[in-house]
Amino acid sequence: MSGRSTRRDVVPELSLSPLTDDEYAAFVTLQVEETAREAVRAGDWTAGEATGLALQDTADLRADTLRGSGHTFCRGVGAAGERIGWLWVAPAPDFVAGYGVGDVARARWLAQVFVEESRRGRGYGSALLAALHRQLADEGVTDIFLRVYDWNTPARRLYAGCDYEVVGQFATDAHLRRRLDA
């Protein structure tokens, strides 16, 4: 016996709240960095071009033109008011119709989920997604999709545990879907 507990920590119910302007700015900075890092790892960009291309790729995000145009940026908040993480939910791209969605307007794309580093591995990602699933189902959303890189084992494990299914597998990543209860 290793002495390490196999019991998952009990995670309190979370609520979702819109990001403040300061939180949004911090989120954008992290998103630009991650966009560059992941594109290099996927072999899409070279390290030398990654920062410039990431800045181009996130221009709407950095200009703050997405809030209020169908994109939702929120934080997961614990019982004591502490931020657990961030979520970015976008309108679903038209190509999800190819995955059997009847009404693309009732689908969403999970562009980003971020759990604070100090809270990772303790069930908070599942709690964030559960809160998001409840909110979207209450809004009449039927399906949520996302993209995940193959090497992101913790994320793949999180999504599998939250009933996401692979609907498209590619060379370095996959598209996943979860149907929501209305």
C-alpha atoms as a PDB file:
ATOM      1  CA  MET A   1       0.000   0.000   0.000  1.00  0.00           C
ATOM      2  CA  SER A   2       1.427   3.345  -1.003  1.00  0.00           C
ATOM      3  CA  GLY A   3      -0.246   5.373   1.729  1.00  0.00           C
ATOM      4  CA  ARG A   4      -1.752   7.627  -0.905  1.00  0.00           C
ATOM      5  CA  SER A   5      -5.497   8.059  -0.667  1.00  0.00           C
ATOM      6  CA  THR A   6      -7.543   6.923  -3.630  1.00  0.00           C
ATOM      7  CA  ARG A   7     -10.606   8.823  -2.400  1.00  0.00           C
ATOM      8  CA  ARG A   8     -11.358  11.957  -4.381  1.00  0.00           C
ATOM      9  CA  ASP A   9     -11.638  15.072  -2.236  1.00  0.00           C
ATOM     10  CA  VAL A  10     -15.199  16.198  -1.624  1.00  0.00           C
ATOM     11  CA  VAL A  11     -15.804  19.287  -3.746  1.00  0.00           C
ATOM     12  CA  PRO A  12     -18.496  21.781  -2.800  1.00  0.00           C
ATOM     13  CA  GLU A  13     -21.154  22.960  -5.202  1.00  0.00           C
ATOM     14  CA  LEU A  14     -19.917  25.769  -7.433  1.00  0.00           C
ATOM     15  CA  SER A  15     -21.671  28.743  -8.918  1.00  0.00           C
ATOM     16  CA  LEU A  16     -20.776  30.574 -12.104  1.00  0.00           C
ATOM     17  CA  SER A  17     -20.399  34.358 -12.347  1.00  0.00           C
ATOM     18  CA  PRO A  18     -19.338  36.645 -15.215  1.00  0.00           C
ATOM     19  CA  LEU A  19     -15.663  37.607 -15.244  1.00  0.00           C
ATOM     20  CA  THR A  20     -14.825  41.093 -14.042  1.00  0.00           C
ATOM     21  CA  ASP A  21     -12.816  43.275 -16.423  1.00  0.00           C
ATOM     22  CA  ASP A  22      -9.609  42.558 -14.487  1.00  0.00           C
ATOM     23  CA  GLU A  23     -10.281  38.808 -14.517  1.00  0.00           C
ATOM     24  CA  TYR A  24     -11.022  38.964 -18.234  1.00  0.00           C
ATOM     25  CA  ALA A  25      -7.686  40.703 -18.878  1.00  0.00           C
ATOM     26  CA  ALA A  26      -5.830  38.018 -16.907  1.00  0.00           C
ATOM     27  CA  PHE A  27      -7.741  35.293 -18.753  1.00  0.00           C
ATOM     28  CA  VAL A  28      -6.813  36.814 -22.125  1.00  0.00           C
ATOM     29  CA  THR A  29      -3.116  36.877 -21.225  1.00  0.00           C
ATOM     30  CA  LEU A  30      -3.197  33.195 -20.280  1.00  0.00           C
ATOM     31  CA  GLN A  31      -5.174  32.332 -23.402  1.00  0.00           C
ATOM     32  CA  VAL A  32      -2.638  33.972 -25.733  1.00  0.00           C
ATOM     33  CA  GLU A  33       0.188  32.083 -24.018  1.00  0.00           C
ATOM     34  CA  GLU A  34      -1.651  28.767 -24.200  1.00  0.00           C
ATOM     35  CA  THR A  35      -2.624  29.275 -27.836  1.00  0.00           C
ATOM     36  CA  ALA A  36       1.049  29.744 -28.751  1.00  0.00           C
ATOM     37  CA  ARG A  37       2.276  26.854 -26.608  1.00  0.00           C
ATOM     38  CA  GLU A  38      -0.295  24.324 -27.854  1.00  0.00           C
ATOM     39  CA  ALA A  39       0.106  25.268 -31.541  1.00  0.00           C
ATOM     40  CA  VAL A  40       3.865  24.733 -31.282  1.00  0.00           C
ATOM     41  CA  ARG A  41       3.383  21.399 -29.562  1.00  0.00           C
ATOM     42  CA  ALA A  42       0.893  20.337 -32.254  1.00  0.00           C
ATOM     43  CA  GLY A  43       3.438  21.244 -34.936  1.00  0.00           C
ATOM     44  CA  ASP A  44       1.151  23.909 -36.414  1.00  0.00           C
ATOM     45  CA  TRP A  45       3.556  26.803 -35.710  1.00  0.00           C
ATOM     46  CA  THR A  46       7.261  27.172 -35.040  1.00  0.00           C
ATOM     47  CA  ALA A  47       8.432  28.562 -31.711  1.00  0.00           C
ATOM     48  CA  GLY A  48       9.706  31.678 -33.477  1.00  0.00           C
ATOM     49  CA  GLU A  49       6.370  32.525 -35.054  1.00  0.00           C
ATOM     50  CA  ALA A  50       4.069  31.325 -32.272  1.00  0.00           C
ATOM     51  CA  THR A  51       3.712  34.547 -30.265  1.00  0.00           C
ATOM     52  CA  GLY A  52       2.892  36.659 -33.327  1.00  0.00           C
ATOM     53  CA  LEU A  53       0.441  34.128 -34.689  1.00  0.00           C
ATOM     54  CA  ALA A  54      -1.177  33.660 -31.276  1.00  0.00           C
ATOM     55  CA  LEU A  55      -1.674  37.425 -31.057  1.00  0.00           C
ATOM     56  CA  GLN A  56      -3.327  37.372 -34.485  1.00  0.00           C
ATOM     57  CA  ASP A  57      -5.403  34.316 -33.607  1.00  0.00           C
ATOM     58  CA  THR A  58      -6.721  35.947 -30.426  1.00  0.00           C
ATOM     59  CA  ALA A  59      -7.288  39.444 -31.838  1.00  0.00           C
ATOM     60  CA  ASP A  60     -11.062  39.433 -31.131  1.00  0.00           C
ATOM     61  CA  LEU A  61     -10.451  38.087 -27.643  1.00  0.00           C
ATOM     62  CA  ARG A  62      -7.821  40.749 -26.921  1.00  0.00           C
ATOM     63  CA  ALA A  63     -10.004  43.522 -28.391  1.00  0.00           C
ATOM     64  CA  ASP A  64     -12.846  42.341 -26.123  1.00  0.00           C
ATOM     65  CA  THR A  65     -15.333  42.125 -28.979  1.00  0.00           C
ATOM     66  CA  LEU A  66     -16.578  38.654 -28.050  1.00  0.00           C
ATOM     67  CA  ARG A  67     -18.280  39.417 -24.739  1.00  0.00           C
ATOM     68  CA  GLY A  68     -21.858  40.275 -25.516  1.00  0.00           C
ATOM     69  CA  SER A  69     -21.773  38.642 -28.958  1.00  0.00           C
ATOM     70  CA  GLY A  70     -22.736  35.140 -27.922  1.00  0.00           C
ATOM     71  CA  HIS A  71     -19.542  34.311 -26.018  1.00  0.00           C
ATOM     72  CA  THR A  72     -19.689  33.818 -22.268  1.00  0.00           C
ATOM     73  CA  PHE A  73     -16.699  34.214 -19.955  1.00  0.00           C
ATOM     74  CA  CYS A  74     -17.277  33.203 -16.378  1.00  0.00           C
ATOM     75  CA  ARG A  75     -15.538  32.096 -13.239  1.00  0.00           C
ATOM     76  CA  GLY A  76     -16.399  29.186 -11.046  1.00  0.00           C
ATOM     77  CA  VAL A  77     -16.876  30.408  -7.495  1.00  0.00           C
ATOM     78  CA  GLY A  78     -16.631  28.220  -4.402  1.00  0.00           C
ATOM     79  CA  ALA A  79     -18.746  28.513  -1.259  1.00  0.00           C
ATOM     80  CA  ALA A  80     -16.326  30.998   0.336  1.00  0.00           C
ATOM     81  CA  GLY A  81     -16.311  33.202  -2.774  1.00  0.00           C
ATOM     82  CA  GLU A  82     -12.936  31.952  -4.000  1.00  0.00           C
ATOM     83  CA  ARG A  83     -12.296  31.593  -7.735  1.00  0.00           C
ATOM     84  CA  ILE A  84     -11.941  27.943  -8.709  1.00  0.00           C
ATOM     85  CA  GLY A  85     -11.354  28.516 -12.409  1.00  0.00           C
ATOM     86  CA  TRP A  86     -12.557  30.098 -15.636  1.00  0.00           C
ATOM     87  CA  LEU A  87     -14.751  29.009 -18.526  1.00  0.00           C
ATOM     88  CA  TRP A  88     -15.142  30.403 -22.042  1.00  0.00           C
ATOM     89  CA  VAL A  89     -18.219  29.212 -23.912  1.00  0.00           C
ATOM     90  CA  ALA A  90     -18.764  30.220 -27.535  1.00  0.00           C
ATOM     91  CA  PRO A  91     -21.506  29.684 -30.064  1.00  0.00           C
ATOM     92  CA  ALA A  92     -21.001  26.334 -31.762  1.00  0.00           C
ATOM     93  CA  PRO A  93     -19.292  26.516 -35.153  1.00  0.00           C
ATOM     94  CA  ASP A  94     -21.400  25.441 -38.113  1.00  0.00           C
ATOM     95  CA  PHE A  95     -19.345  22.276 -38.665  1.00  0.00           C
ATOM     96  CA  VAL A  96     -20.910  20.646 -35.579  1.00  0.00           C
ATOM     97  CA  ALA A  97     -23.986  20.036 -37.746  1.00  0.00           C
ATOM     98  CA  GLY A  98     -21.894  17.226 -39.243  1.00  0.00           C
ATOM     99  CA  TYR A  99     -21.875  15.605 -35.804  1.00  0.00           C
ATOM    100  CA  GLY A 100     -25.639  15.113 -35.859  1.00  0.00           C
ATOM    101  CA  VAL A 101     -26.803  18.291 -34.142  1.00  0.00           C
ATOM    102  CA  GLY A 102     -30.305  19.149 -35.268  1.00  0.00           C
ATOM    103  CA  ASP A 103     -30.184  22.831 -34.317  1.00  0.00           C
ATOM    104  CA  VAL A 104     -26.687  24.358 -34.199  1.00  0.00           C
ATOM    105  CA  ALA A 105     -28.156  27.429 -32.465  1.00  0.00           C
ATOM    106  CA  ARG A 106     -28.875  25.202 -29.443  1.00  0.00           C
ATOM    107  CA  ALA A 107     -25.291  23.923 -29.266  1.00  0.00           C
ATOM    108  CA  ARG A 108     -22.230  25.570 -27.682  1.00  0.00           C
ATOM    109  CA  TRP A 109     -18.453  25.260 -27.998  1.00  0.00           C
ATOM    110  CA  LEU A 110     -16.369  25.074 -24.832  1.00  0.00           C
ATOM    111  CA  ALA A 111     -13.409  27.146 -25.953  1.00  0.00           C
ATOM    112  CA  GLN A 112     -11.564  26.999 -22.637  1.00  0.00           C
ATOM    113  CA  VAL A 113     -11.817  25.531 -19.184  1.00  0.00           C
ATOM    114  CA  PHE A 114      -9.142  26.488 -16.678  1.00  0.00           C
ATOM    115  CA  VAL A 115      -8.832  25.245 -13.100  1.00  0.00           C
ATOM    116  CA  GLU A 116      -6.584  27.188 -10.738  1.00  0.00           C
ATOM    117  CA  GLU A 117      -3.338  25.255 -10.425  1.00  0.00           C
ATOM    118  CA  SER A 118      -3.637  24.868  -6.646  1.00  0.00           C
ATOM    119  CA  ARG A 119      -7.022  23.153  -7.093  1.00  0.00           C
ATOM    120  CA  ARG A 120      -6.155  20.700  -9.864  1.00  0.00           C
ATOM    121  CA  GLY A 121      -6.576  16.973  -9.384  1.00  0.00           C
ATOM    122  CA  ARG A 122      -9.222  17.349  -6.659  1.00  0.00           C
ATOM    123  CA  GLY A 123     -12.477  17.255  -8.628  1.00  0.00           C
ATOM    124  CA  TYR A 124     -12.887  20.959  -9.242  1.00  0.00           C
ATOM    125  CA  GLY A 125     -12.787  20.534 -13.024  1.00  0.00           C
ATOM    126  CA  SER A 126     -15.719  18.138 -12.805  1.00  0.00           C
ATOM    127  CA  ALA A 127     -17.555  20.565 -10.530  1.00  0.00           C
ATOM    128  CA  LEU A 128     -16.948  23.456 -12.961  1.00  0.00           C
ATOM    129  CA  LEU A 129     -18.263  21.421 -15.860  1.00  0.00           C
ATOM    130  CA  ALA A 130     -21.275  20.195 -13.865  1.00  0.00           C
ATOM    131  CA  ALA A 131     -22.203  23.799 -13.027  1.00  0.00           C
ATOM    132  CA  LEU A 132     -21.778  24.764 -16.687  1.00  0.00           C
ATOM    133  CA  HIS A 133     -23.867  21.820 -17.896  1.00  0.00           C
ATOM    134  CA  ARG A 134     -26.703  22.777 -15.516  1.00  0.00           C
ATOM    135  CA  GLN A 135     -26.612  26.417 -16.626  1.00  0.00           C
ATOM    136  CA  LEU A 136     -26.576  25.572 -20.331  1.00  0.00           C
ATOM    137  CA  ALA A 137     -29.365  22.993 -19.990  1.00  0.00           C
ATOM    138  CA  ASP A 138     -31.460  25.613 -18.170  1.00  0.00           C
ATOM    139  CA  GLU A 139     -30.859  27.910 -21.172  1.00  0.00           C
ATOM    140  CA  GLY A 140     -32.148  25.239 -23.569  1.00  0.00           C
ATOM    141  CA  VAL A 141     -28.753  24.193 -24.926  1.00  0.00           C
ATOM    142  CA  THR A 142     -28.792  20.585 -26.099  1.00  0.00           C
ATOM    143  CA  ASP A 143     -25.128  19.830 -26.849  1.00  0.00           C
ATOM    144  CA  ILE A 144     -21.706  21.160 -25.900  1.00  0.00           C
ATOM    145  CA  PHE A 145     -18.593  20.475 -27.960  1.00  0.00           C
ATOM    146  CA  LEU A 146     -14.883  21.066 -27.453  1.00  0.00           C
ATOM    147  CA  ARG A 147     -11.446  20.352 -28.858  1.00  0.00           C
ATOM    148  CA  VAL A 148      -8.790  18.579 -26.802  1.00  0.00           C
ATOM    149  CA  TYR A 149      -5.226  17.688 -27.702  1.00  0.00           C
ATOM    150  CA  ASP A 150      -4.323  14.003 -27.472  1.00  0.00           C
ATOM    151  CA  TRP A 151      -1.415  14.647 -25.077  1.00  0.00           C
ATOM    152  CA  ASN A 152      -3.591  16.486 -22.553  1.00  0.00           C
ATOM    153  CA  THR A 153      -4.205  13.369 -20.492  1.00  0.00           C
ATOM    154  CA  PRO A 154      -5.694  15.153 -17.442  1.00  0.00           C
ATOM    155  CA  ALA A 155      -8.220  16.965 -19.654  1.00  0.00           C
ATOM    156  CA  ARG A 156      -9.074  13.797 -21.575  1.00  0.00           C
ATOM    157  CA  ARG A 157      -9.676  12.014 -18.252  1.00  0.00           C
ATOM    158  CA  LEU A 158     -11.816  14.924 -17.010  1.00  0.00           C
ATOM    159  CA  TYR A 159     -13.999  14.962 -20.113  1.00  0.00           C
ATOM    160  CA  ALA A 160     -14.416  11.173 -20.163  1.00  0.00           C
ATOM    161  CA  GLY A 161     -15.497  11.308 -16.506  1.00  0.00           C
ATOM    162  CA  CYS A 162     -18.060  13.980 -17.388  1.00  0.00           C
ATOM    163  CA  ASP A 163     -19.617  11.866 -20.168  1.00  0.00           C
ATOM    164  CA  TYR A 164     -18.066  13.546 -23.200  1.00  0.00           C
ATOM    165  CA  GLU A 165     -17.757  11.329 -26.267  1.00  0.00           C
ATOM    166  CA  VAL A 166     -15.286  11.551 -29.129  1.00  0.00           C
ATOM    167  CA  VAL A 167     -17.101  12.631 -32.299  1.00  0.00           C
ATOM    168  CA  GLY A 168     -14.055  13.451 -34.429  1.00  0.00           C
ATOM    169  CA  GLN A 169     -10.471  12.206 -34.066  1.00  0.00           C
ATOM    170  CA  PHE A 170      -7.642  13.967 -35.891  1.00  0.00           C
ATOM    171  CA  ALA A 171      -3.842  13.642 -36.033  1.00  0.00           C
ATOM    172  CA  THR A 172      -3.135  15.563 -32.791  1.00  0.00           C
ATOM    173  CA  ASP A 173      -6.534  16.293 -31.270  1.00  0.00           C
ATOM    174  CA  ALA A 174     -10.175  15.346 -31.068  1.00  0.00           C
ATOM    175  CA  HIS A 175     -13.585  16.963 -30.989  1.00  0.00           C
ATOM    176  CA  LEU A 176     -15.753  15.829 -28.096  1.00  0.00           C
ATOM    177  CA  ARG A 177     -19.458  16.243 -27.387  1.00  0.00           C
ATOM    178  CA  ARG A 178     -21.677  15.988 -24.371  1.00  0.00           C
ATOM    179  CA  ARG A 179     -25.437  15.939 -24.717  1.00  0.00           C
ATOM    180  CA  LEU A 180     -27.203  17.998 -22.084  1.00  0.00           C
ATOM    181  CA  ASP A 181     -30.423  17.173 -20.315  1.00  0.00           C
ATOM    182  CA  ALA A 182     -33.054  19.794 -21.029  1.00  0.00           C
END
